[in-house]
C-alpha atoms as a PDB file:
ATOM      1  CA  MET A   1     -44.775  26.807  51.806  1.00  0.00           C
ATOM      2  CA  SER A   2     -43.587  30.387  51.579  1.00  0.00           C
ATOM      3  CA  THR A   3     -41.879  32.002  48.629  1.00  0.00           C
ATOM      4  CA  GLN A   4     -38.111  31.720  48.392  1.00  0.00           C
ATOM      5  CA  ARG A   5     -36.273  34.978  48.946  1.00  0.00           C
ATOM      6  CA  VAL A   6     -33.629  35.876  46.358  1.00  0.00           C
ATOM      7  CA  ASP A   7     -30.533  37.995  46.919  1.00  0.00           C
ATOM      8  CA  PRO A   8     -31.066  40.749  44.316  1.00  0.00           C
ATOM      9  CA  TYR A   9     -27.299  40.788  43.676  1.00  0.00           C
ATOM     10  CA  ALA A  10     -27.484  37.132  42.564  1.00  0.00           C
ATOM     11  CA  VAL A  11     -29.736  38.059  39.615  1.00  0.00           C
ATOM     12  CA  PRO A  12     -27.789  38.773  36.386  1.00  0.00           C
ATOM     13  CA  GLY A  13     -27.522  42.477  35.546  1.00  0.00           C
ATOM     14  CA  ARG A  14     -28.893  45.227  37.773  1.00  0.00           C
ATOM     15  CA  PRO A  15     -29.941  44.094  41.270  1.00  0.00           C
ATOM     16  CA  CYS A  16     -33.688  44.352  40.857  1.00  0.00           C
ATOM     17  CA  SER A  17     -36.881  42.944  42.327  1.00  0.00           C
ATOM     18  CA  ILE A  18     -38.446  42.935  38.841  1.00  0.00           C
ATOM     19  CA  ALA A  19     -35.713  40.585  37.606  1.00  0.00           C
ATOM     20  CA  ALA A  20     -36.201  38.386  40.680  1.00  0.00           C
ATOM     21  CA  ALA A  21     -39.987  38.297  40.108  1.00  0.00           C
ATOM     22  CA  LEU A  22     -39.549  37.434  36.433  1.00  0.00           C
ATOM     23  CA  GLN A  23     -37.489  34.400  37.413  1.00  0.00           C
ATOM     24  CA  VAL A  24     -40.692  33.069  39.008  1.00  0.00           C
ATOM     25  CA  VAL A  25     -43.497  34.365  36.757  1.00  0.00           C
ATOM     26  CA  GLY A  26     -41.660  35.652  33.694  1.00  0.00           C
ATOM     27  CA  ASP A  27     -43.018  33.229  31.145  1.00  0.00           C
ATOM     28  CA  ARG A  28     -46.392  33.247  29.441  1.00  0.00           C
ATOM     29  CA  TRP A  29     -47.763  30.077  31.002  1.00  0.00           C
ATOM     30  CA  SER A  30     -47.035  31.048  34.620  1.00  0.00           C
ATOM     31  CA  LEU A  31     -49.094  34.245  34.673  1.00  0.00           C
ATOM     32  CA  LEU A  32     -51.859  32.669  32.588  1.00  0.00           C
ATOM     33  CA  ALA A  33     -52.047  29.774  35.058  1.00  0.00           C
ATOM     34  CA  VAL A  34     -52.296  32.264  37.942  1.00  0.00           C
ATOM     35  CA  ARG A  35     -55.010  34.113  35.984  1.00  0.00           C
ATOM     36  CA  GLU A  36     -57.032  30.914  35.652  1.00  0.00           C
ATOM     37  CA  VAL A  37     -56.713  30.038  39.339  1.00  0.00           C
ATOM     38  CA  THR A  38     -57.786  33.618  40.122  1.00  0.00           C
ATOM     39  CA  PHE A  39     -60.901  32.994  37.997  1.00  0.00           C
ATOM     40  CA  GLY A  40     -61.697  29.928  40.101  1.00  0.00           C
ATOM     41  CA  ASN A  41     -60.336  27.255  37.756  1.00  0.00           C
ATOM     42  CA  HIS A  42     -58.429  24.918  40.063  1.00  0.00           C
ATOM     43  CA  ARG A  43     -58.215  21.691  38.044  1.00  0.00           C
ATOM     44  CA  PHE A  44     -55.264  20.994  35.779  1.00  0.00           C
ATOM     45  CA  ARG A  45     -57.480  20.270  32.759  1.00  0.00           C
ATOM     46  CA  GLU A  46     -59.378  23.584  33.208  1.00  0.00           C
ATOM     47  CA  ILE A  47     -56.123  25.519  33.427  1.00  0.00           C
ATOM     48  CA  ALA A  48     -54.710  23.704  30.380  1.00  0.00           C
ATOM     49  CA  LYS A  49     -57.846  24.289  28.282  1.00  0.00           C
ATOM     50  CA  ASN A  50     -58.142  27.976  29.190  1.00  0.00           C
ATOM     51  CA  THR A  51     -54.457  28.849  28.773  1.00  0.00           C
ATOM     52  CA  GLY A  52     -53.814  26.820  25.641  1.00  0.00           C
ATOM     53  CA  ALA A  53     -50.537  25.682  27.199  1.00  0.00           C
ATOM     54  CA  PRO A  54     -48.972  22.414  26.133  1.00  0.00           C
ATOM     55  CA  THR A  55     -49.671  20.037  29.028  1.00  0.00           C
ATOM     56  CA  ASP A  56     -46.016  19.159  29.603  1.00  0.00           C
ATOM     57  CA  ARG A  57     -45.041  22.832  29.883  1.00  0.00           C
ATOM     58  CA  LEU A  58     -48.042  23.654  32.029  1.00  0.00           C
ATOM     59  CA  SER A  59     -47.272  20.775  34.351  1.00  0.00           C
ATOM     60  CA  ALA A  60     -43.693  22.046  34.763  1.00  0.00           C
ATOM     61  CA  ARG A  61     -44.876  25.641  35.333  1.00  0.00           C
ATOM     62  CA  LEU A  62     -47.474  24.623  37.917  1.00  0.00           C
ATOM     63  CA  LYS A  63     -44.861  22.536  39.720  1.00  0.00           C
ATOM     64  CA  SER A  64     -42.509  25.556  39.753  1.00  0.00           C
ATOM     65  CA  LEU A  65     -45.253  27.901  40.959  1.00  0.00           C
ATOM     66  CA  VAL A  66     -45.979  25.516  43.819  1.00  0.00           C
ATOM     67  CA  ALA A  67     -42.259  25.188  44.653  1.00  0.00           C
ATOM     68  CA  ASP A  68     -41.887  28.988  44.558  1.00  0.00           C
ATOM     69  CA  GLY A  69     -44.847  29.484  46.914  1.00  0.00           C
ATOM     70  CA  VAL A  70     -47.181  31.197  44.423  1.00  0.00           C
ATOM     71  CA  LEU A  71     -49.663  28.309  44.258  1.00  0.00           C
ATOM     72  CA  GLU A  72     -50.452  25.425  46.562  1.00  0.00           C
ATOM     73  CA  ARG A  73     -52.007  22.051  45.853  1.00  0.00           C
ATOM     74  CA  ARG A  74     -54.801  20.891  48.091  1.00  0.00           C
ATOM     75  CA  PRO A  75     -57.851  18.647  47.799  1.00  0.00           C
ATOM     76  CA  LEU A  76     -60.765  19.943  45.756  1.00  0.00           C
ATOM     77  CA  PRO A  77     -63.827  20.537  47.991  1.00  0.00           C
ATOM     78  CA  ALA A  78     -66.181  18.552  45.766  1.00  0.00           C
ATOM     79  CA  GLU A  79     -63.661  15.770  45.091  1.00  0.00           C
ATOM     80  CA  PRO A  80     -61.279  15.358  48.032  1.00  0.00           C
ATOM     81  CA  ARG A  81     -59.464  12.516  46.255  1.00  0.00           C
ATOM     82  CA  HIS A  82     -58.204  15.008  43.632  1.00  0.00           C
ATOM     83  CA  ASP A  83     -55.968  18.015  44.207  1.00  0.00           C
ATOM     84  CA  GLY A  84     -56.488  21.464  42.754  1.00  0.00           C
ATOM     85  CA  TYR A  85     -54.316  24.544  42.536  1.00  0.00           C
ATOM     86  CA  TYR A  86     -54.988  27.503  44.833  1.00  0.00           C
ATOM     87  CA  LEU A  87     -53.371  30.903  45.306  1.00  0.00           C
ATOM     88  CA  THR A  88     -51.118  31.463  48.292  1.00  0.00           C
ATOM     89  CA  GLU A  89     -50.733  34.931  49.810  1.00  0.00           C
ATOM     90  CA  ALA A  90     -47.903  35.568  47.319  1.00  0.00           C
ATOM     91  CA  GLY A  91     -50.180  34.418  44.488  1.00  0.00           C
ATOM     92  CA  ARG A  92     -53.007  36.698  45.631  1.00  0.00           C
ATOM     93  CA  ASP A  93     -50.527  39.589  45.540  1.00  0.00           C
ATOM     94  CA  LEU A  94     -50.094  38.946  41.791  1.00  0.00           C
ATOM     95  CA  VAL A  95     -53.748  39.781  41.091  1.00  0.00           C
ATOM     96  CA  GLY A  96     -52.953  43.513  40.865  1.00  0.00           C
ATOM     97  CA  VAL A  97     -50.146  42.771  38.393  1.00  0.00           C
ATOM     98  CA  ILE A  98     -52.519  40.703  36.266  1.00  0.00           C
ATOM     99  CA  ARG A  99     -55.139  43.465  36.345  1.00  0.00           C
ATOM    100  CA  GLU A 100     -52.545  45.986  35.165  1.00  0.00           C
ATOM    101  CA  LEU A 101     -51.435  43.672  32.346  1.00  0.00           C
ATOM    102  CA  LEU A 102     -55.097  43.304  31.345  1.00  0.00           C
ATOM    103  CA  ARG A 103     -55.550  47.091  31.348  1.00  0.00           C
ATOM    104  CA  TRP A 104     -52.355  47.602  29.350  1.00  0.00           C
ATOM    105  CA  GLY A 105     -53.283  44.893  26.829  1.00  0.00           C
ATOM    106  CA  ASP A 106     -56.763  46.388  26.409  1.00  0.00           C
ATOM    107  CA  ARG A 107     -55.299  49.827  25.771  1.00  0.00           C
ATOM    108  CA  TRP A 108     -52.352  48.968  23.557  1.00  0.00           C
ATOM    109  CA  LEU A 109     -52.739  45.511  22.027  1.00  0.00           C
ATOM    110  CA  THR A 110     -56.267  44.234  21.434  1.00  0.00           C
ATOM    111  CA  THR A 111     -58.705  45.551  18.871  1.00  0.00           C
ATOM    112  CA  SER A 112     -61.539  45.101  21.344  1.00  0.00           C
ATOM    113  CA  PRO A 113     -61.259  44.165  25.031  1.00  0.00           C
ATOM    114  CA  PRO A 114     -62.475  40.561  25.361  1.00  0.00           C
ATOM    115  CA  MET A 115     -63.277  40.950  29.075  1.00  0.00           C
ATOM    116  CA  LYS A 116     -64.305  43.643  31.551  1.00  0.00           C
ATOM    117  CA  LEU A 117     -63.560  43.850  35.215  1.00  0.00           C
ATOM    118  CA  ARG A 118     -66.603  44.852  37.252  1.00  0.00           C
ATOM    119  CA  HIS A 119     -66.911  46.327  40.735  1.00  0.00           C
ATOM    120  CA  HIS A 120     -70.429  45.920  42.092  1.00  0.00           C
ATOM    121  CA  ASP A 121     -72.620  47.191  39.204  1.00  0.00           C
ATOM    122  CA  HIS A 122     -70.055  49.252  37.271  1.00  0.00           C
ATOM    123  CA  ASP A 123     -66.805  48.855  35.327  1.00  0.00           C
ATOM    124  CA  PHE A 124     -63.742  48.628  37.535  1.00  0.00           C
ATOM    125  CA  THR A 125     -60.922  51.051  36.846  1.00  0.00           C
ATOM    126  CA  PRO A 126     -57.899  50.614  39.114  1.00  0.00           C
ATOM    127  CA  ARG A 127     -56.549  53.803  40.607  1.00  0.00           C
ATOM    128  CA  PRO A 128     -53.280  53.849  42.544  1.00  0.00           C
ATOM    129  CA  ILE A 129     -53.468  55.364  46.008  1.00  0.00           C
ATOM    130  CA  CYS A 130     -50.434  55.931  48.209  1.00  0.00           C
ATOM    131  CA  ALA A 131     -50.768  53.654  51.245  1.00  0.00           C
ATOM    132  CA  HIS A 132     -48.681  56.098  53.297  1.00  0.00           C
ATOM    133  CA  CYS A 133     -50.537  59.390  52.721  1.00  0.00           C
ATOM    134  CA  GLY A 134     -53.793  58.214  51.059  1.00  0.00           C
ATOM    135  CA  GLU A 135     -53.434  60.510  48.036  1.00  0.00           C
ATOM    136  CA  PRO A 136     -54.078  59.428  44.440  1.00  0.00           C
ATOM    137  CA  VAL A 137     -50.781  58.841  42.613  1.00  0.00           C
ATOM    138  CA  THR A 138     -49.906  59.792  39.052  1.00  0.00           C
ATOM    139  CA  GLN A 139     -46.911  58.400  37.176  1.00  0.00           C
ATOM    140  CA  GLY A 140     -45.126  61.758  37.129  1.00  0.00           C
ATOM    141  CA  GLU A 141     -45.105  61.834  40.933  1.00  0.00           C
ATOM    142  CA  VAL A 142     -43.264  58.530  41.355  1.00  0.00           C
ATOM    143  CA  HIS A 143     -39.487  58.280  41.064  1.00  0.00           C
ATOM    144  CA  ALA A 144     -36.932  55.546  41.597  1.00  0.00           C
ATOM    145  CA  GLU A 145     -34.346  55.755  44.358  1.00  0.00           C
ATOM    146  CA  VAL A 146     -31.542  53.232  43.945  1.00  0.00           C
ATOM    147  CA  THR A 147     -30.608  51.478  47.194  1.00  0.00           C
ATOM    148  CA  ALA A 148     -28.452  48.739  45.633  1.00  0.00           C
ATOM    149  CA  GLU A 149     -24.829  49.186  46.648  1.00  0.00           C
ATOM    150  CA  GLY A 150     -22.652  50.292  43.728  1.00  0.00           C
ATOM    151  CA  TRP A 151     -25.524  51.177  41.387  1.00  0.00           C
ATOM    152  CA  THR A 152     -27.176  54.343  40.095  1.00  0.00           C
ATOM    153  CA  LEU A 153     -30.157  54.716  37.765  1.00  0.00           C
ATOM    154  CA  THR A 154     -27.764  54.748  34.802  1.00  0.00           C
ATOM    155  CA  GLY A 155     -25.979  51.531  35.830  1.00  0.00           C
ATOM    156  CA  PRO A 156     -23.118  50.232  37.952  1.00  0.00           C
ATOM    157  CA  VAL A 157     -20.601  52.627  39.450  1.00  0.00           C
ATOM    158  CA  ALA A 158     -17.085  52.003  38.092  1.00  0.00           C
ATOM    159  CA  GLY A 159     -15.036  49.858  40.454  1.00  0.00           C
ATOM    160  CA  SER A 160     -18.070  48.639  42.414  1.00  0.00           C
ATOM    161  CA  PRO A 161     -19.450  45.108  42.746  1.00  0.00           C
ATOM    162  CA  GLY A 162     -21.642  44.472  39.734  1.00  0.00           C
ATOM    163  CA  HIS A 163     -19.510  46.635  37.395  1.00  0.00           C
ATOM    164  CA  ALA A 164     -18.427  44.891  34.210  1.00  0.00           C
ATOM    165  CA  GLY A 165     -20.233  41.700  35.213  1.00  0.00           C
ATOM    166  CA  GLU A 166     -18.453  41.288  38.558  1.00  0.00           C
ATOM    167  CA  GLY A 167     -20.485  39.617  41.280  1.00  0.00           C
ATOM    168  CA  ARG A 168     -21.086  40.840  44.808  1.00  0.00           C
ATOM    169  CA  ALA A 169     -18.490  39.735  47.336  1.00  0.00           C
END
Protein backbone atom coordinates (compact mmCIF):
# COMPACT_ATOMS: atom_id res chain seq x y z
CA MET A 1 0.00 0.00 0.00
CA SER A 2 1.25 3.48 -0.78
CA THR A 3 0.79 6.56 1.35
CA GLN A 4 -2.37 8.59 0.87
CA ARG A 5 -1.80 11.98 -0.72
CA VAL A 6 -3.43 14.95 1.02
CA ASP A 7 -4.55 18.19 -0.59
CA PRO A 8 -2.53 20.74 1.43
CA TYR A 9 -5.51 23.13 1.26
CA ALA A 10 -7.64 20.56 3.13
CA VAL A 11 -5.40 20.83 6.21
CA PRO A 12 -6.61 23.44 8.75
CA GLY A 13 -4.58 26.66 8.72
CA ARG A 14 -1.73 27.31 6.30
CA PRO A 15 -1.48 24.82 3.41
CA CYS A 16 1.62 22.97 4.51
CA SER A 17 3.33 19.62 4.06
CA ILE A 18 4.44 19.72 7.71
CA ALA A 19 0.80 19.88 8.83
CA ALA A 20 -0.05 17.02 6.45
CA ALA A 21 2.86 14.93 7.79
CA LEU A 22 1.86 15.60 11.40
CA GLN A 23 -1.59 14.19 10.67
CA VAL A 24 0.17 10.86 10.08
CA VAL A 25 3.11 10.88 12.54
CA GLY A 26 2.34 13.82 14.82
CA ASP A 27 1.84 11.93 18.04
CA ARG A 28 4.45 10.48 20.36
CA TRP A 29 3.65 6.82 19.81
CA SER A 30 3.79 6.93 16.00
CA LEU A 31 7.38 8.16 15.70
CA LEU A 32 8.52 5.96 18.59
CA ALA A 33 6.98 2.93 16.88
CA VAL A 34 8.80 3.84 13.65
CA ARG A 35 12.01 4.25 15.69
CA GLU A 36 11.64 0.74 17.09
CA VAL A 37 10.97 -0.82 13.68
CA THR A 38 14.04 1.06 12.40
CA PHE A 39 16.05 -0.60 15.20
CA GLY A 40 14.87 -4.01 14.00
CA ASN A 41 12.07 -4.57 16.52
CA HIS A 42 9.22 -5.92 14.42
CA ARG A 43 7.00 -7.67 16.98
CA PHE A 44 4.16 -5.83 18.69
CA ARG A 45 5.37 -6.78 22.18
CA GLU A 46 8.91 -5.49 21.45
CA ILE A 47 7.53 -2.20 20.16
CA ALA A 48 5.20 -1.87 23.17
CA LYS A 49 7.96 -2.63 25.69
CA ASN A 50 10.49 -0.26 24.11
CA THR A 51 8.10 2.66 23.57
CA GLY A 52 6.24 2.40 26.86
CA ALA A 53 3.01 2.98 24.94
CA PRO A 54 -0.26 1.70 26.33
CA THR A 55 -1.07 -1.36 24.20
CA ASP A 56 -4.47 -0.08 23.09
CA ARG A 57 -2.98 3.20 21.85
CA LEU A 58 -0.04 1.47 20.24
CA SER A 59 -2.33 -0.96 18.47
CA ALA A 60 -4.36 1.96 17.07
CA ARG A 61 -1.20 3.85 16.01
CA LEU A 62 0.31 0.82 14.29
CA LYS A 63 -2.97 0.22 12.47
CA SER A 64 -2.97 3.87 11.32
CA LEU A 65 0.67 3.72 10.24
CA VAL A 66 -0.12 0.65 8.15
CA ALA A 67 -3.23 2.31 6.66
CA ASP A 68 -1.19 5.44 5.88
CA GLY A 69 1.53 3.42 4.13
CA VAL A 70 4.34 4.10 6.63
CA LEU A 71 4.52 0.51 7.90
CA GLU A 72 3.45 -2.81 6.47
CA ARG A 73 2.59 -6.07 8.17
CA ARG A 74 4.16 -9.23 6.85
CA PRO A 75 5.18 -12.62 8.22
CA LEU A 76 8.21 -12.72 10.50
CA PRO A 77 11.06 -14.69 8.86
CA ALA A 78 11.63 -16.92 11.89
CA GLU A 79 7.91 -17.38 12.60
CA PRO A 80 5.88 -17.17 9.39
CA ARG A 81 2.64 -17.77 11.32
CA HIS A 82 3.09 -14.38 13.04
CA ASP A 83 3.18 -10.96 11.40
CA GLY A 84 5.66 -8.21 12.17
CA TYR A 85 5.82 -4.55 11.29
CA TYR A 86 8.25 -3.35 8.61
CA LEU A 87 9.07 0.04 7.11
CA THR A 88 7.74 0.90 3.68
CA GLU A 89 9.61 3.32 1.42
CA ALA A 90 7.68 6.17 3.09
CA GLY A 91 8.68 4.80 6.50
CA ARG A 92 12.35 4.57 5.51
CA ASP A 93 12.16 8.23 4.48
CA LEU A 94 11.29 9.08 8.11
CA VAL A 95 14.67 7.81 9.36
CA GLY A 96 16.32 11.18 8.63
CA VAL A 97 13.56 12.96 10.57
CA ILE A 98 14.09 10.63 13.52
CA ARG A 99 17.86 11.19 13.41
CA GLU A 100 17.32 14.96 13.47
CA LEU A 101 14.92 14.66 16.43
CA LEU A 102 17.55 12.55 18.21
CA ARG A 103 20.23 15.17 17.51
CA TRP A 104 17.96 17.99 18.65
CA GLY A 105 16.94 16.13 21.82
CA ASP A 106 20.59 15.37 22.62
CA ARG A 107 21.52 19.03 22.21
CA TRP A 108 18.59 20.72 23.90
CA LEU A 109 16.73 18.31 26.17
CA THR A 110 18.71 15.47 27.73
CA THR A 111 21.35 15.81 30.40
CA SER A 112 23.40 13.11 28.71
CA PRO A 113 22.73 11.48 25.33
CA PRO A 114 21.49 7.93 26.02
CA MET A 115 22.49 6.69 22.55
CA LYS A 116 25.04 7.42 19.83
CA LEU A 117 24.70 6.94 16.13
CA ARG A 118 27.79 5.35 14.59
CA HIS A 119 29.06 5.28 11.02
CA HIS A 120 31.63 2.54 10.53
CA ASP A 121 34.04 3.08 13.47
CA HIS A 122 33.21 6.70 14.36
CA ASP A 123 30.34 8.84 15.64
CA PHE A 124 27.86 9.80 12.94
CA THR A 125 27.09 13.48 12.52
CA PRO A 126 24.51 14.23 9.82
CA ARG A 127 25.46 17.01 7.45
CA PRO A 128 22.97 18.37 4.92
CA ILE A 129 24.17 18.41 1.33
CA CYS A 130 22.19 19.96 -1.52
CA ALA A 131 21.17 17.14 -3.87
CA HIS A 132 21.09 19.62 -6.78
CA CYS A 133 24.55 21.22 -6.54
CA GLY A 134 26.34 18.92 -4.03
CA GLU A 135 27.36 21.76 -1.70
CA PRO A 136 27.08 21.61 2.10
CA VAL A 137 24.06 23.60 3.29
CA THR A 138 23.83 25.87 6.32
CA GLN A 139 20.55 27.09 7.79
CA GLY A 140 21.19 30.69 6.76
CA GLU A 141 21.36 29.66 3.11
CA VAL A 142 17.89 28.08 3.02
CA HIS A 143 14.75 30.16 2.58
CA ALA A 144 11.07 29.40 2.12
CA GLU A 145 9.25 30.25 -1.09
CA VAL A 146 5.48 30.08 -0.74
CA THR A 147 3.78 28.33 -3.67
CA ALA A 148 0.34 27.95 -2.05
CA GLU A 149 -2.21 30.09 -3.85
CA GLY A 150 -3.35 33.05 -1.74
CA TRP A 151 -0.62 32.74 0.90
CA THR A 152 2.58 34.57 1.81
CA LEU A 153 5.08 33.81 4.57
CA THR A 154 3.11 36.08 6.91
CA GLY A 155 -0.23 34.36 6.23
CA PRO A 156 -3.22 34.41 3.89
CA VAL A 157 -3.68 37.26 1.44
CA ALA A 158 -6.89 39.21 2.15
CA GLY A 159 -9.74 38.08 -0.08
CA SER A 160 -8.02 34.82 -1.07
CA PRO A 161 -9.09 31.24 -0.37
CA GLY A 162 -7.85 30.36 3.09
CA HIS A 163 -8.29 33.92 4.44
CA ALA A 164 -10.32 34.15 7.63
CA GLY A 165 -10.82 30.38 7.71
CA GLU A 166 -12.36 30.12 4.24
CA GLY A 167 -11.69 26.88 2.40
CA ARG A 168 -10.34 26.44 -1.11
CA ALA A 169 -12.98 26.36 -3.82
